[in-house]
C-alpha cells in the first residue's frame, strides 16, 4: 500500500487487478470432477497444473466470454505439476509476470474454476522456500501463501495488487499447503515443455540405497551415504567407473545422504557435463568423474 492510500482505494485496486488478470484465465476441463484453471502465457498456449489433466483426449477450455475450445497437450511434467496446452484460435491477453514476491506482501489467488466466472482469495506471502525436493528433480523456489485454495484454483494465478502474476497456484505439490510456482520458474519450464514435450533430467544409471555409516567412516561428520546396489549396463555410471558396493559421499562437492540428494545434483544444465562423485571404496575415498546423461 502506498503512503496515504485508503482501504477503499486499495480494495478498488485489488478488484481492478482481479478483473484484469481474469481476462487471461480459462476454465480447463481435463477431469471428470471439478474443472480447473489455466492462464494464457503465449499465443494459443495455456499453462496449467498437470494433476488436473486426468485424460489426454477430449480436453477443452472455456474463456470468459463463454466460448469453448478444443485443447491438446503440448508438454507436461507430473513431478513439477506443470502442463502446457495448445488451444487453436484462442485469443486472450497474455498474463504479465511480476518481478517477484516478498514475504508479508498482499497477494490474490485468482482462478476461473467454472462457468460462473472469476473467483479470488486474499492472503499474504507466508514464506518463500526452496529448494523443494520432488520425486524426480527439484524446484528452486516455491511461494507459500495463506490465500485459500478453493476447488478449481489449481492452475490459476497468484498475483500482486497491480495484477502482476508472481506464480502459478497449485495444490498438487505438497498436500495441505497452498503453494505457487514462481512465475519466472514456471515460464522457463513451460518453454522447455513446448520445445521438448517433457522436462529433461540428468541420468546416471544406478540403483542406490541410503545406509548408515560406521563411526570409523563418518568423514566430515556425515552419518549416512548412498550404497550403489546396481549399475545399469552401458550407463553413464558404468562408463564413469562407478561400481556396485561404492558408497557415494558427495556429488559436485555436496554431501549425499539420500537418493533425493543425488537427484538434486542431476539438473538439466548438467546433462553432458562431468560430475565429480566422491565414493568410499575399500575404505578409501576416491573421486570418480561421470558424464551426466539423459533418457
C-alpha atoms as a PDB file:
ATOM      1  CA  UNK A   1       0.000   0.000   0.000  1.00  0.00           C
ATOM      2  CA  UNK A   2       1.387   3.393  -0.953  1.00  0.00           C
ATOM      3  CA  UNK A   3       1.580   6.190   1.614  1.00  0.00           C
ATOM      4  CA  UNK A   4      -1.819   7.761   2.185  1.00  0.00           C
ATOM      5  CA  UNK A   5      -3.785   5.090   0.262  1.00  0.00           C
ATOM      6  CA  UNK A   6      -7.128   4.394   1.915  1.00  0.00           C
ATOM      7  CA  UNK A   7      -8.586   0.946   2.451  1.00  0.00           C
ATOM      8  CA  UNK A   8     -11.265   1.747  -0.130  1.00  0.00           C
ATOM      9  CA  UNK A   9      -8.617   2.740  -2.671  1.00  0.00           C
ATOM     10  CA  UNK A  10      -6.609  -0.437  -2.017  1.00  0.00           C
ATOM     11  CA  UNK A  11      -9.773  -2.519  -2.283  1.00  0.00           C
ATOM     12  CA  UNK A  12     -10.600  -0.936  -5.635  1.00  0.00           C
ATOM     13  CA  UNK A  13      -7.047  -1.524  -6.858  1.00  0.00           C
ATOM     14  CA  UNK A  14      -7.216  -5.209  -5.931  1.00  0.00           C
ATOM     15  CA  UNK A  15     -10.609  -5.598  -7.618  1.00  0.00           C
ATOM     16  CA  UNK A  16      -9.185  -3.993 -10.762  1.00  0.00           C
ATOM     17  CA  UNK A  17      -6.224  -6.392 -10.621  1.00  0.00           C
ATOM     18  CA  UNK A  18      -8.514  -9.418 -10.367  1.00  0.00           C
ATOM     19  CA  UNK A  19     -10.605  -8.179 -13.266  1.00  0.00           C
ATOM     20  CA  UNK A  20      -7.547  -7.564 -15.416  1.00  0.00           C
ATOM     21  CA  UNK A  21      -5.843 -10.915 -14.834  1.00  0.00           C
ATOM     22  CA  UNK A  22      -9.192 -12.678 -15.109  1.00  0.00           C
ATOM     23  CA  UNK A  23      -9.258 -11.815 -18.815  1.00  0.00           C
ATOM     24  CA  UNK A  24      -6.210 -14.071 -19.283  1.00  0.00           C
ATOM     25  CA  UNK A  25      -7.660 -17.068 -17.429  1.00  0.00           C
ATOM     26  CA  UNK A  26      -9.620 -20.009 -18.801  1.00  0.00           C
ATOM     27  CA  UNK A  27     -11.525 -22.888 -17.278  1.00  0.00           C
ATOM     28  CA  UNK A  28      -9.762 -26.183 -18.020  1.00  0.00           C
ATOM     29  CA  UNK A  29     -11.859 -29.317 -18.500  1.00  0.00           C
ATOM     30  CA  UNK A  30      -9.429 -32.176 -18.029  1.00  0.00           C
ATOM     31  CA  UNK A  31     -11.074 -34.395 -15.421  1.00  0.00           C
ATOM     32  CA  UNK A  32     -14.481 -35.802 -14.644  1.00  0.00           C
ATOM     33  CA  UNK A  33     -14.937 -33.889 -11.425  1.00  0.00           C
ATOM     34  CA  UNK A  34     -14.071 -30.261 -10.718  1.00  0.00           C
ATOM     35  CA  UNK A  35     -12.697 -28.239 -13.661  1.00  0.00           C
ATOM     36  CA  UNK A  36      -9.531 -26.263 -13.033  1.00  0.00           C
ATOM     37  CA  UNK A  37      -7.885 -23.081 -14.268  1.00  0.00           C
ATOM     38  CA  UNK A  38      -5.259 -22.169 -16.845  1.00  0.00           C
ATOM     39  CA  UNK A  39      -3.531 -18.948 -17.823  1.00  0.00           C
ATOM     40  CA  UNK A  40      -2.731 -17.655 -21.295  1.00  0.00           C
ATOM     41  CA  UNK A  41       1.035 -17.102 -21.377  1.00  0.00           C
ATOM     42  CA  UNK A  42       1.777 -17.153 -25.131  1.00  0.00           C
ATOM     43  CA  UNK A  43      -0.159 -17.187 -28.392  1.00  0.00           C
ATOM     44  CA  UNK A  44      -2.556 -20.158 -28.307  1.00  0.00           C
ATOM     45  CA  UNK A  45      -0.692 -21.613 -25.292  1.00  0.00           C
ATOM     46  CA  UNK A  46      -2.199 -22.132 -21.843  1.00  0.00           C
ATOM     47  CA  UNK A  47      -0.223 -23.018 -18.713  1.00  0.00           C
ATOM     48  CA  UNK A  48      -1.949 -25.115 -16.086  1.00  0.00           C
ATOM     49  CA  UNK A  49      -1.279 -27.681 -13.345  1.00  0.00           C
ATOM     50  CA  UNK A  50      -0.509 -31.180 -14.574  1.00  0.00           C
ATOM     51  CA  UNK A  51      -2.538 -33.010 -11.932  1.00  0.00           C
ATOM     52  CA  UNK A  52      -5.810 -31.534 -13.218  1.00  0.00           C
ATOM     53  CA  UNK A  53      -5.375 -33.351 -16.563  1.00  0.00           C
ATOM     54  CA  UNK A  54      -6.612 -36.852 -15.851  1.00  0.00           C
ATOM     55  CA  UNK A  55      -7.107 -37.619 -19.541  1.00  0.00           C
ATOM     56  CA  UNK A  56      -5.305 -36.654 -22.733  1.00  0.00           C
ATOM     57  CA  UNK A  57      -8.227 -36.926 -25.153  1.00  0.00           C
ATOM     58  CA  UNK A  58     -11.267 -34.685 -25.203  1.00  0.00           C
ATOM     59  CA  UNK A  59      -9.603 -31.784 -23.422  1.00  0.00           C
ATOM     60  CA  UNK A  60     -11.174 -28.354 -23.713  1.00  0.00           C
ATOM     61  CA  UNK A  61     -11.048 -24.881 -22.212  1.00  0.00           C
ATOM     62  CA  UNK A  62     -13.654 -22.181 -21.771  1.00  0.00           C
ATOM     63  CA  UNK A  63     -12.856 -18.485 -21.982  1.00  0.00           C
ATOM     64  CA  UNK A  64     -14.552 -15.713 -20.065  1.00  0.00           C
ATOM     65  CA  UNK A  65     -16.979 -14.956 -22.903  1.00  0.00           C
ATOM     66  CA  UNK A  66     -18.329 -18.497 -22.734  1.00  0.00           C
ATOM     67  CA  UNK A  67     -16.658 -19.810 -25.897  1.00  0.00           C
ATOM     68  CA  UNK A  68     -15.418 -23.420 -25.684  1.00  0.00           C
ATOM     69  CA  UNK A  69     -12.236 -24.550 -27.453  1.00  0.00           C
ATOM     70  CA  UNK A  70     -10.638 -27.942 -28.013  1.00  0.00           C
ATOM     71  CA  UNK A  71      -7.218 -28.274 -26.391  1.00  0.00           C
ATOM     72  CA  UNK A  72      -4.269 -30.620 -26.791  1.00  0.00           C
ATOM     73  CA  UNK A  73      -1.266 -31.281 -24.558  1.00  0.00           C
ATOM     74  CA  UNK A  74       1.984 -29.799 -25.861  1.00  0.00           C
ATOM     75  CA  UNK A  75       4.061 -30.955 -22.906  1.00  0.00           C
ATOM     76  CA  UNK A  76       3.630 -31.978 -19.305  1.00  0.00           C
ATOM     77  CA  UNK A  77       5.632 -32.927 -16.245  1.00  0.00           C
ATOM     78  CA  UNK A  78       3.903 -34.544 -13.261  1.00  0.00           C
ATOM     79  CA  UNK A  79       6.852 -34.023 -10.945  1.00  0.00           C
ATOM     80  CA  UNK A  80       6.740 -30.227 -11.045  1.00  0.00           C
ATOM     81  CA  UNK A  81       2.966 -30.273 -11.692  1.00  0.00           C
ATOM     82  CA  UNK A  82       3.038 -28.193 -14.880  1.00  0.00           C
ATOM     83  CA  UNK A  83       1.438 -28.725 -18.273  1.00  0.00           C
ATOM     84  CA  UNK A  84       1.128 -26.663 -21.441  1.00  0.00           C
ATOM     85  CA  UNK A  85      -1.981 -26.843 -23.626  1.00  0.00           C
ATOM     86  CA  UNK A  86      -2.303 -25.688 -27.212  1.00  0.00           C
ATOM     87  CA  UNK A  87      -5.664 -24.063 -27.924  1.00  0.00           C
ATOM     88  CA  UNK A  88      -6.041 -23.192 -31.601  1.00  0.00           C
ATOM     89  CA  UNK A  89      -7.950 -19.990 -32.206  1.00  0.00           C
ATOM     90  CA  UNK A  90      -7.880 -18.764 -28.613  1.00  0.00           C
ATOM     91  CA  UNK A  91      -7.009 -15.087 -28.409  1.00  0.00           C
ATOM     92  CA  UNK A  92      -6.744 -13.607 -24.943  1.00  0.00           C
ATOM     93  CA  UNK A  93      -4.468 -11.057 -23.269  1.00  0.00           C
ATOM     94  CA  UNK A  94      -1.272 -12.666 -22.027  1.00  0.00           C
ATOM     95  CA  UNK A  95      -0.530 -12.681 -18.311  1.00  0.00           C
ATOM     96  CA  UNK A  96       2.124 -10.247 -17.114  1.00  0.00           C
ATOM     97  CA  UNK A  97       4.804 -11.693 -14.855  1.00  0.00           C
ATOM     98  CA  UNK A  98       5.647  -9.694 -11.732  1.00  0.00           C
ATOM     99  CA  UNK A  99       9.215  -9.008 -10.668  1.00  0.00           C
ATOM    100  CA  UNK A 100       8.977 -11.341  -7.689  1.00  0.00           C
ATOM    101  CA  UNK A 101       7.441 -11.844  -4.274  1.00  0.00           C
ATOM    102  CA  UNK A 102       8.223 -10.661  -0.771  1.00  0.00           C
ATOM    103  CA  UNK A 103       7.226 -12.307   2.487  1.00  0.00           C
ATOM    104  CA  UNK A 104       4.339 -10.380   4.004  1.00  0.00           C
ATOM    105  CA  UNK A 105       3.018  -8.760   0.834  1.00  0.00           C
ATOM    106  CA  UNK A 106      -0.674  -8.922  -0.055  1.00  0.00           C
ATOM    107  CA  UNK A 107      -1.465 -11.438  -2.788  1.00  0.00           C
ATOM    108  CA  UNK A 108      -4.589 -12.676  -4.516  1.00  0.00           C
ATOM    109  CA  UNK A 109      -5.170 -16.194  -5.786  1.00  0.00           C
ATOM    110  CA  UNK A 110      -7.293 -15.727  -8.909  1.00  0.00           C
ATOM    111  CA  UNK A 111      -8.981 -18.530 -10.816  1.00  0.00           C
ATOM    112  CA  UNK A 112     -11.739 -19.304 -13.285  1.00  0.00           C
ATOM    113  CA  UNK A 113     -12.847 -22.650 -11.848  1.00  0.00           C
ATOM    114  CA  UNK A 114     -16.257 -22.926 -13.538  1.00  0.00           C
ATOM    115  CA  UNK A 115     -18.692 -21.234 -15.898  1.00  0.00           C
ATOM    116  CA  UNK A 116     -19.794 -18.804 -13.191  1.00  0.00           C
ATOM    117  CA  UNK A 117     -16.715 -16.640 -13.704  1.00  0.00           C
ATOM    118  CA  UNK A 118     -13.644 -15.456 -11.879  1.00  0.00           C
ATOM    119  CA  UNK A 119     -13.051 -16.172  -8.189  1.00  0.00           C
ATOM    120  CA  UNK A 120     -10.424 -14.687  -5.893  1.00  0.00           C
ATOM    121  CA  UNK A 121      -8.929 -15.359  -2.486  1.00  0.00           C
ATOM    122  CA  UNK A 122      -6.912 -12.831  -0.486  1.00  0.00           C
ATOM    123  CA  UNK A 123      -3.838 -13.611   1.577  1.00  0.00           C
ATOM    124  CA  UNK A 124      -0.208 -12.770   2.138  1.00  0.00           C
ATOM    125  CA  UNK A 125       3.026 -14.418   1.104  1.00  0.00           C
ATOM    126  CA  UNK A 126       3.738 -16.559   4.148  1.00  0.00           C
ATOM    127  CA  UNK A 127       7.068 -17.967   3.052  1.00  0.00           C
ATOM    128  CA  UNK A 128       9.460 -18.220   0.139  1.00  0.00           C
ATOM    129  CA  UNK A 129      11.241 -21.539   0.419  1.00  0.00           C
ATOM    130  CA  UNK A 130      13.431 -23.867  -1.558  1.00  0.00           C
ATOM    131  CA  UNK A 131      14.728 -25.907  -2.995  1.00  0.00           C
ATOM    132  CA  UNK A 132      11.687 -28.186  -2.829  1.00  0.00           C
ATOM    133  CA  UNK A 133      12.840 -31.741  -3.465  1.00  0.00           C
ATOM    134  CA  UNK A 134      10.450 -33.777  -5.547  1.00  0.00           C
ATOM    135  CA  UNK A 135      10.317 -37.425  -6.595  1.00  0.00           C
ATOM    136  CA  UNK A 136      12.437 -36.530  -9.600  1.00  0.00           C
ATOM    137  CA  UNK A 137      14.268 -33.234  -9.578  1.00  0.00           C
ATOM    138  CA  UNK A 138      13.739 -30.094  -7.562  1.00  0.00           C
ATOM    139  CA  UNK A 139      12.058 -26.721  -7.720  1.00  0.00           C
ATOM    140  CA  UNK A 140      14.496 -23.968  -6.837  1.00  0.00           C
ATOM    141  CA  UNK A 141      11.823 -21.905  -5.086  1.00  0.00           C
ATOM    142  CA  UNK A 142       8.192 -22.122  -4.076  1.00  0.00           C
ATOM    143  CA  UNK A 143       5.879 -19.472  -2.658  1.00  0.00           C
ATOM    144  CA  UNK A 144       3.664 -20.380   0.281  1.00  0.00           C
ATOM    145  CA  UNK A 145       0.574 -18.291   0.941  1.00  0.00           C
ATOM    146  CA  UNK A 146      -2.411 -18.349   3.260  1.00  0.00           C
ATOM    147  CA  UNK A 147      -4.766 -17.461   0.394  1.00  0.00           C
ATOM    148  CA  UNK A 148      -7.437 -20.173   0.401  1.00  0.00           C
ATOM    149  CA  UNK A 149      -7.226 -22.750  -2.414  1.00  0.00           C
ATOM    150  CA  UNK A 150     -10.874 -23.173  -3.385  1.00  0.00           C
ATOM    151  CA  UNK A 151     -11.756 -26.135  -5.644  1.00  0.00           C
ATOM    152  CA  UNK A 152     -10.590 -25.495  -9.192  1.00  0.00           C
ATOM    153  CA  UNK A 153      -7.940 -22.936  -8.225  1.00  0.00           C
ATOM    154  CA  UNK A 154      -5.023 -25.134  -9.340  1.00  0.00           C
ATOM    155  CA  UNK A 155      -3.501 -23.645 -12.493  1.00  0.00           C
ATOM    156  CA  UNK A 156      -4.688 -20.191 -11.511  1.00  0.00           C
ATOM    157  CA  UNK A 157      -2.627 -17.075 -10.907  1.00  0.00           C
ATOM    158  CA  UNK A 158      -1.162 -15.781  -7.665  1.00  0.00           C
ATOM    159  CA  UNK A 159      -0.952 -12.040  -8.291  1.00  0.00           C
ATOM    160  CA  UNK A 160       0.153  -8.846  -6.602  1.00  0.00           C
ATOM    161  CA  UNK A 161      -2.174  -5.888  -6.140  1.00  0.00           C
ATOM    162  CA  UNK A 162      -1.261  -4.427  -9.542  1.00  0.00           C
ATOM    163  CA  UNK A 163      -2.175  -7.634 -11.492  1.00  0.00           C
ATOM    164  CA  UNK A 164       1.394  -8.873 -11.920  1.00  0.00           C
ATOM    165  CA  UNK A 165       1.499 -12.672 -11.734  1.00  0.00           C
ATOM    166  CA  UNK A 166       4.004 -13.871  -9.151  1.00  0.00           C
ATOM    167  CA  UNK A 167       3.241 -17.546  -9.506  1.00  0.00           C
ATOM    168  CA  UNK A 168       1.078 -20.414 -10.708  1.00  0.00           C
ATOM    169  CA  UNK A 169      -1.155 -21.603  -7.896  1.00  0.00           C
ATOM    170  CA  UNK A 170      -1.338 -25.367  -7.256  1.00  0.00           C
ATOM    171  CA  UNK A 171      -2.429 -27.837  -4.605  1.00  0.00           C
ATOM    172  CA  UNK A 172      -0.609 -30.681  -6.362  1.00  0.00           C
ATOM    173  CA  UNK A 173       2.925 -30.284  -4.991  1.00  0.00           C
ATOM    174  CA  UNK A 174       2.569 -30.774  -1.227  1.00  0.00           C
ATOM    175  CA  UNK A 175      -0.683 -31.995   0.292  1.00  0.00           C
ATOM    176  CA  UNK A 176      -2.229 -29.477   2.657  1.00  0.00           C
ATOM    177  CA  UNK A 177      -0.137 -26.483   1.572  1.00  0.00           C
ATOM    178  CA  UNK A 178      -1.152 -23.576  -0.644  1.00  0.00           C
ATOM    179  CA  UNK A 179       1.866 -23.189  -2.910  1.00  0.00           C
ATOM    180  CA  UNK A 180       2.677 -21.303  -6.064  1.00  0.00           C
ATOM    181  CA  UNK A 181       5.460 -21.996  -8.526  1.00  0.00           C
ATOM    182  CA  UNK A 182       7.241 -18.640  -9.020  1.00  0.00           C
ATOM    183  CA  UNK A 183       6.354 -17.236 -12.417  1.00  0.00           C
ATOM    184  CA  UNK A 184       9.925 -16.896 -13.634  1.00  0.00           C
ATOM    185  CA  UNK A 185      10.461 -20.607 -12.982  1.00  0.00           C
ATOM    186  CA  UNK A 186       7.049 -21.605 -14.367  1.00  0.00           C
ATOM    187  CA  UNK A 187       7.669 -19.730 -17.627  1.00  0.00           C
ATOM    188  CA  UNK A 188      11.158 -21.184 -18.025  1.00  0.00           C
ATOM    189  CA  UNK A 189       9.824 -24.703 -17.503  1.00  0.00           C
ATOM    190  CA  UNK A 190       6.893 -24.007 -19.829  1.00  0.00           C
ATOM    191  CA  UNK A 191       9.285 -23.022 -22.595  1.00  0.00           C
ATOM    192  CA  UNK A 192      11.152 -26.316 -22.097  1.00  0.00           C
ATOM    193  CA  UNK A 193       7.868 -28.229 -22.271  1.00  0.00           C
ATOM    194  CA  UNK A 194       6.985 -26.501 -25.535  1.00  0.00           C
ATOM    195  CA  UNK A 195      10.406 -27.362 -27.016  1.00  0.00           C
ATOM    196  CA  UNK A 196      10.749 -30.935 -25.796  1.00  0.00           C
ATOM    197  CA  UNK A 197       7.323 -32.096 -24.629  1.00  0.00           C
ATOM    198  CA  UNK A 198       8.853 -33.004 -21.286  1.00  0.00           C
ATOM    199  CA  UNK A 199      11.486 -31.741 -18.886  1.00  0.00           C
ATOM    200  CA  UNK A 200      14.924 -33.188 -19.401  1.00  0.00           C
ATOM    201  CA  UNK A 201      16.683 -34.541 -16.350  1.00  0.00           C
ATOM    202  CA  UNK A 202      20.117 -35.900 -15.723  1.00  0.00           C
ATOM    203  CA  UNK A 203      20.643 -39.661 -15.563  1.00  0.00           C
ATOM    204  CA  UNK A 204      23.420 -41.791 -14.090  1.00  0.00           C
ATOM    205  CA  UNK A 205      22.039 -45.325 -14.289  1.00  0.00           C
ATOM    206  CA  UNK A 206      22.455 -46.517 -10.720  1.00  0.00           C
ATOM    207  CA  UNK A 207      20.179 -48.052  -8.123  1.00  0.00           C
ATOM    208  CA  UNK A 208      21.103 -46.909  -4.627  1.00  0.00           C
ATOM    209  CA  UNK A 209      20.152 -47.353  -1.011  1.00  0.00           C
ATOM    210  CA  UNK A 210      20.740 -44.944   1.857  1.00  0.00           C
ATOM    211  CA  UNK A 211      22.821 -46.592   4.596  1.00  0.00           C
ATOM    212  CA  UNK A 212      24.214 -45.547   7.957  1.00  0.00           C
ATOM    213  CA  UNK A 213      27.978 -45.242   8.008  1.00  0.00           C
ATOM    214  CA  UNK A 214      30.042 -46.899  10.736  1.00  0.00           C
ATOM    215  CA  UNK A 215      31.560 -44.423  13.175  1.00  0.00           C
ATOM    216  CA  UNK A 216      35.030 -45.036  11.742  1.00  0.00           C
ATOM    217  CA  UNK A 217      33.898 -43.998   8.236  1.00  0.00           C
ATOM    218  CA  UNK A 218      31.967 -40.820   9.028  1.00  0.00           C
ATOM    219  CA  UNK A 219      34.163 -38.499   7.001  1.00  0.00           C
ATOM    220  CA  UNK A 220      33.313 -34.855   7.542  1.00  0.00           C
ATOM    221  CA  UNK A 221      30.827 -35.750  10.252  1.00  0.00           C
ATOM    222  CA  UNK A 222      28.282 -37.245   7.814  1.00  0.00           C
ATOM    223  CA  UNK A 223      26.308 -40.169   9.188  1.00  0.00           C
ATOM    224  CA  UNK A 224      24.773 -41.596   6.011  1.00  0.00           C
ATOM    225  CA  UNK A 225      25.801 -42.288   2.421  1.00  0.00           C
ATOM    226  CA  UNK A 226      24.349 -43.913  -0.682  1.00  0.00           C
ATOM    227  CA  UNK A 227      25.250 -47.511  -1.329  1.00  0.00           C
ATOM    228  CA  UNK A 228      25.366 -48.420  -5.021  1.00  0.00           C
ATOM    229  CA  UNK A 229      23.445 -51.708  -5.309  1.00  0.00           C
ATOM    230  CA  UNK A 230      23.203 -51.863  -9.107  1.00  0.00           C
ATOM    231  CA  UNK A 231      24.891 -50.209 -12.085  1.00  0.00           C
ATOM    232  CA  UNK A 232      22.996 -50.354 -15.378  1.00  0.00           C
ATOM    233  CA  UNK A 233      24.824 -51.749 -18.378  1.00  0.00           C
ATOM    234  CA  UNK A 234      26.287 -49.129 -20.746  1.00  0.00           C
ATOM    235  CA  UNK A 235      25.073 -46.317 -18.489  1.00  0.00           C
ATOM    236  CA  UNK A 236      26.930 -43.096 -17.669  1.00  0.00           C
ATOM    237  CA  UNK A 237      27.712 -44.602 -14.256  1.00  0.00           C
ATOM    238  CA  UNK A 238      29.280 -47.716 -15.776  1.00  0.00           C
ATOM    239  CA  UNK A 239      31.279 -45.693 -18.282  1.00  0.00           C
ATOM    240  CA  UNK A 240      32.464 -43.396 -15.499  1.00  0.00           C
ATOM    241  CA  UNK A 241      33.662 -46.258 -13.330  1.00  0.00           C
ATOM    242  CA  UNK A 242      31.087 -46.435 -10.535  1.00  0.00           C
ATOM    243  CA  UNK A 243      30.952 -49.934  -9.035  1.00  0.00           C
ATOM    244  CA  UNK A 244      28.419 -51.955  -7.072  1.00  0.00           C
ATOM    245  CA  UNK A 245      29.392 -51.575  -3.416  1.00  0.00           C
ATOM    246  CA  UNK A 246      30.639 -47.992  -3.748  1.00  0.00           C
ATOM    247  CA  UNK A 247      29.409 -45.644  -1.039  1.00  0.00           C
ATOM    248  CA  UNK A 248      28.596 -42.261  -2.589  1.00  0.00           C
ATOM    249  CA  UNK A 249      29.653 -39.497  -0.196  1.00  0.00           C
ATOM    250  CA  UNK A 250      29.435 -36.324  -2.294  1.00  0.00           C
ATOM    251  CA  UNK A 251      28.461 -35.139  -5.759  1.00  0.00           C
ATOM    252  CA  UNK A 252      29.677 -31.780  -7.063  1.00  0.00           C
ATOM    253  CA  UNK A 253      31.002 -31.153  -3.556  1.00  0.00           C
ATOM    254  CA  UNK A 254      27.587 -31.567  -1.918  1.00  0.00           C
ATOM    255  CA  UNK A 255      27.005 -34.216   0.747  1.00  0.00           C
ATOM    256  CA  UNK A 256      24.881 -37.112  -0.493  1.00  0.00           C
ATOM    257  CA  UNK A 257      22.896 -38.976   2.140  1.00  0.00           C
ATOM    258  CA  UNK A 258      19.765 -39.958   0.194  1.00  0.00           C
ATOM    259  CA  UNK A 259      18.627 -40.655  -3.347  1.00  0.00           C
ATOM    260  CA  UNK A 260      16.899 -37.263  -3.338  1.00  0.00           C
ATOM    261  CA  UNK A 261      20.247 -35.588  -2.604  1.00  0.00           C
ATOM    262  CA  UNK A 262      21.743 -37.254  -5.675  1.00  0.00           C
ATOM    263  CA  UNK A 263      18.781 -36.415  -7.913  1.00  0.00           C
ATOM    264  CA  UNK A 264      19.111 -32.768  -6.864  1.00  0.00           C
ATOM    265  CA  UNK A 265      22.560 -32.710  -8.499  1.00  0.00           C
ATOM    266  CA  UNK A 266      21.239 -34.034 -11.828  1.00  0.00           C
ATOM    267  CA  UNK A 267      19.622 -30.869 -13.149  1.00  0.00           C
ATOM    268  CA  UNK A 268      19.136 -30.375 -16.884  1.00  0.00           C
ATOM    269  CA  UNK A 269      22.069 -27.960 -17.109  1.00  0.00           C
ATOM    270  CA  UNK A 270      24.416 -30.779 -16.048  1.00  0.00           C
ATOM    271  CA  UNK A 271      23.466 -33.064 -18.948  1.00  0.00           C
ATOM    272  CA  UNK A 272      26.586 -33.768 -20.995  1.00  0.00           C
ATOM    273  CA  UNK A 273      28.840 -32.338 -18.276  1.00  0.00           C
ATOM    274  CA  UNK A 274      31.233 -34.257 -15.989  1.00  0.00           C
ATOM    275  CA  UNK A 275      30.039 -34.678 -12.413  1.00  0.00           C
ATOM    276  CA  UNK A 276      32.660 -35.372  -9.758  1.00  0.00           C
ATOM    277  CA  UNK A 277      31.444 -38.013  -7.311  1.00  0.00           C
ATOM    278  CA  UNK A 278      33.361 -38.938  -4.175  1.00  0.00           C
ATOM    279  CA  UNK A 279      32.949 -42.570  -3.178  1.00  0.00           C
ATOM    280  CA  UNK A 280      34.198 -44.699  -0.358  1.00  0.00           C
ATOM    281  CA  UNK A 281      35.668 -47.821  -1.954  1.00  0.00           C
ATOM    282  CA  UNK A 282      37.539 -50.411   0.082  1.00  0.00           C
ATOM    283  CA  UNK A 283      37.873 -47.971   2.947  1.00  0.00           C
ATOM    284  CA  UNK A 284      39.496 -45.320   0.731  1.00  0.00           C
ATOM    285  CA  UNK A 285      37.837 -42.122  -0.532  1.00  0.00           C
ATOM    286  CA  UNK A 286      38.162 -41.839  -4.319  1.00  0.00           C
ATOM    287  CA  UNK A 287      36.930 -39.320  -6.878  1.00  0.00           C
ATOM    288  CA  UNK A 288      35.035 -40.616  -9.908  1.00  0.00           C
ATOM    289  CA  UNK A 289      34.057 -38.412 -12.882  1.00  0.00           C
ATOM    290  CA  UNK A 290      30.759 -39.338 -14.558  1.00  0.00           C
ATOM    291  CA  UNK A 291      29.389 -37.528 -17.611  1.00  0.00           C
ATOM    292  CA  UNK A 292      25.706 -36.970 -16.843  1.00  0.00           C
ATOM    293  CA  UNK A 293      23.369 -38.452 -19.430  1.00  0.00           C
ATOM    294  CA  UNK A 294      19.638 -38.236 -20.116  1.00  0.00           C
ATOM    295  CA  UNK A 295      16.888 -40.608 -21.154  1.00  0.00           C
END
